[in-house]
């Protein structure tokens, strides 16, 4: 019984220590582990410049976005009734 009480006390103490660690030390890194200005600049500029120079210079990207069906204006859209009638005509 006494051993169990000691175990419970020890678990509570460890739980409190872990809570303090998570609330303070885990959020704020040490001075040597903290990011400096050079790493901050490198992280913030990552992805801005594309290092690969494949075939991006020839400007052929516009040809890849060709739509098969042209966009339809709202006024020109078929109503549900028109679609149903057209479907019935095709079946007959």
C-alpha atoms as a PDB file:
ATOM      1  CA  UNK A   1       0.000   0.000   0.000  1.00  0.00           C
ATOM      2  CA  UNK A   2       2.825   2.371   0.890  1.00  0.00           C
ATOM      3  CA  UNK A   3       4.670   1.451  -2.291  1.00  0.00           C
ATOM      4  CA  UNK A   4       1.547   2.193  -4.361  1.00  0.00           C
ATOM      5  CA  UNK A   5       1.170   5.632  -2.740  1.00  0.00           C
ATOM      6  CA  UNK A   6       4.809   6.401  -3.535  1.00  0.00           C
ATOM      7  CA  UNK A   7       4.200   5.347  -7.130  1.00  0.00           C
ATOM      8  CA  UNK A   8       1.163   7.631  -7.414  1.00  0.00           C
ATOM      9  CA  UNK A   9       3.114  10.574  -5.951  1.00  0.00           C
ATOM     10  CA  UNK A  10       6.001   9.950  -8.351  1.00  0.00           C
ATOM     11  CA  UNK A  11       3.624   9.794 -11.335  1.00  0.00           C
ATOM     12  CA  UNK A  12       1.997  13.081 -10.281  1.00  0.00           C
ATOM     13  CA  UNK A  13       5.421  14.714  -9.925  1.00  0.00           C
ATOM     14  CA  UNK A  14       6.485  13.485 -13.378  1.00  0.00           C
ATOM     15  CA  UNK A  15       3.206  14.680 -14.840  1.00  0.00           C
ATOM     16  CA  UNK A  16       3.725  18.172 -13.367  1.00  0.00           C
ATOM     17  CA  UNK A  17       7.311  18.287 -14.642  1.00  0.00           C
ATOM     18  CA  UNK A  18       6.191  17.247 -18.132  1.00  0.00           C
ATOM     19  CA  UNK A  19       3.476  19.920 -18.082  1.00  0.00           C
ATOM     20  CA  UNK A  20       5.988  22.619 -17.120  1.00  0.00           C
ATOM     21  CA  UNK A  21       8.425  21.394 -19.774  1.00  0.00           C
ATOM     22  CA  UNK A  22       5.751  21.417 -22.473  1.00  0.00           C
ATOM     23  CA  UNK A  23       4.510  24.860 -21.539  1.00  0.00           C
ATOM     24  CA  UNK A  24       7.934  26.518 -21.317  1.00  0.00           C
ATOM     25  CA  UNK A  25      10.988  24.737 -22.649  1.00  0.00           C
ATOM     26  CA  UNK A  26       9.395  22.939 -25.581  1.00  0.00           C
ATOM     27  CA  UNK A  27       7.998  26.187 -27.004  1.00  0.00           C
ATOM     28  CA  UNK A  28      11.145  28.259 -26.652  1.00  0.00           C
ATOM     29  CA  UNK A  29      14.341  26.720 -28.063  1.00  0.00           C
ATOM     30  CA  UNK A  30      17.781  27.221 -26.588  1.00  0.00           C
ATOM     31  CA  UNK A  31      19.970  30.011 -27.891  1.00  0.00           C
ATOM     32  CA  UNK A  32      22.142  27.623 -29.929  1.00  0.00           C
ATOM     33  CA  UNK A  33      19.114  25.735 -31.317  1.00  0.00           C
ATOM     34  CA  UNK A  34      17.133  28.862 -32.150  1.00  0.00           C
ATOM     35  CA  UNK A  35      17.027  29.852 -35.832  1.00  0.00           C
ATOM     36  CA  UNK A  36      19.211  32.804 -36.706  1.00  0.00           C
ATOM     37  CA  UNK A  37      18.703  35.366 -39.455  1.00  0.00           C
ATOM     38  CA  UNK A  38      20.382  33.319 -42.185  1.00  0.00           C
ATOM     39  CA  UNK A  39      18.251  30.217 -41.573  1.00  0.00           C
ATOM     40  CA  UNK A  40      15.130  32.370 -41.323  1.00  0.00           C
ATOM     41  CA  UNK A  41      15.898  33.985 -44.674  1.00  0.00           C
ATOM     42  CA  UNK A  42      16.633  30.606 -46.253  1.00  0.00           C
ATOM     43  CA  UNK A  43      13.352  29.110 -44.965  1.00  0.00           C
ATOM     44  CA  UNK A  44      11.248  32.076 -46.022  1.00  0.00           C
ATOM     45  CA  UNK A  45      12.744  32.214 -49.515  1.00  0.00           C
ATOM     46  CA  UNK A  46      12.440  28.472 -50.136  1.00  0.00           C
ATOM     47  CA  UNK A  47      10.296  27.819 -53.176  1.00  0.00           C
ATOM     48  CA  UNK A  48      10.434  31.363 -54.539  1.00  0.00           C
ATOM     49  CA  UNK A  49      13.115  30.615 -57.101  1.00  0.00           C
ATOM     50  CA  UNK A  50      12.867  27.553 -59.314  1.00  0.00           C
ATOM     51  CA  UNK A  51      16.364  26.137 -59.760  1.00  0.00           C
ATOM     52  CA  UNK A  52      15.398  23.785 -62.577  1.00  0.00           C
ATOM     53  CA  UNK A  53      15.750  25.234 -66.059  1.00  0.00           C
ATOM     54  CA  UNK A  54      14.032  22.527 -68.100  1.00  0.00           C
ATOM     55  CA  UNK A  55      11.817  23.937 -70.847  1.00  0.00           C
ATOM     56  CA  UNK A  56      10.249  26.803 -68.962  1.00  0.00           C
ATOM     57  CA  UNK A  57      11.891  29.497 -71.076  1.00  0.00           C
ATOM     58  CA  UNK A  58      10.100  28.739 -74.349  1.00  0.00           C
ATOM     59  CA  UNK A  59       6.672  29.776 -72.994  1.00  0.00           C
ATOM     60  CA  UNK A  60       4.754  26.700 -74.123  1.00  0.00           C
ATOM     61  CA  UNK A  61       2.717  26.553 -70.907  1.00  0.00           C
ATOM     62  CA  UNK A  62      -0.264  28.319 -72.504  1.00  0.00           C
ATOM     63  CA  UNK A  63      -0.873  25.467 -74.943  1.00  0.00           C
ATOM     64  CA  UNK A  64      -1.468  22.963 -72.158  1.00  0.00           C
ATOM     65  CA  UNK A  65      -4.586  24.758 -70.847  1.00  0.00           C
ATOM     66  CA  UNK A  66      -6.853  24.107 -73.835  1.00  0.00           C
ATOM     67  CA  UNK A  67     -10.480  23.509 -72.910  1.00  0.00           C
ATOM     68  CA  UNK A  68     -12.347  20.853 -74.855  1.00  0.00           C
ATOM     69  CA  UNK A  69     -15.773  22.320 -74.149  1.00  0.00           C
ATOM     70  CA  UNK A  70     -16.068  26.110 -74.268  1.00  0.00           C
ATOM     71  CA  UNK A  71     -17.668  27.850 -71.280  1.00  0.00           C
ATOM     72  CA  UNK A  72     -21.439  28.360 -71.436  1.00  0.00           C
ATOM     73  CA  UNK A  73     -23.099  31.611 -70.429  1.00  0.00           C
ATOM     74  CA  UNK A  74     -25.820  31.442 -67.814  1.00  0.00           C
ATOM     75  CA  UNK A  75     -28.501  32.557 -70.250  1.00  0.00           C
ATOM     76  CA  UNK A  76     -27.529  29.851 -72.751  1.00  0.00           C
ATOM     77  CA  UNK A  77     -27.662  26.945 -70.305  1.00  0.00           C
ATOM     78  CA  UNK A  78     -30.270  24.281 -70.824  1.00  0.00           C
ATOM     79  CA  UNK A  79     -32.948  23.956 -68.187  1.00  0.00           C
ATOM     80  CA  UNK A  80     -33.846  20.643 -66.612  1.00  0.00           C
ATOM     81  CA  UNK A  81     -36.966  20.502 -68.727  1.00  0.00           C
ATOM     82  CA  UNK A  82     -34.975  21.061 -71.930  1.00  0.00           C
ATOM     83  CA  UNK A  83     -32.535  18.326 -70.956  1.00  0.00           C
ATOM     84  CA  UNK A  84     -35.373  15.911 -70.161  1.00  0.00           C
ATOM     85  CA  UNK A  85     -37.142  16.624 -73.449  1.00  0.00           C
ATOM     86  CA  UNK A  86     -33.902  16.201 -75.397  1.00  0.00           C
ATOM     87  CA  UNK A  87     -33.202  12.903 -73.638  1.00  0.00           C
ATOM     88  CA  UNK A  88     -36.719  11.640 -74.398  1.00  0.00           C
ATOM     89  CA  UNK A  89     -36.302  12.570 -78.075  1.00  0.00           C
ATOM     90  CA  UNK A  90     -33.042  10.636 -78.283  1.00  0.00           C
ATOM     91  CA  UNK A  91     -34.670   7.544 -76.784  1.00  0.00           C
ATOM     92  CA  UNK A  92     -37.523   7.549 -79.318  1.00  0.00           C
END
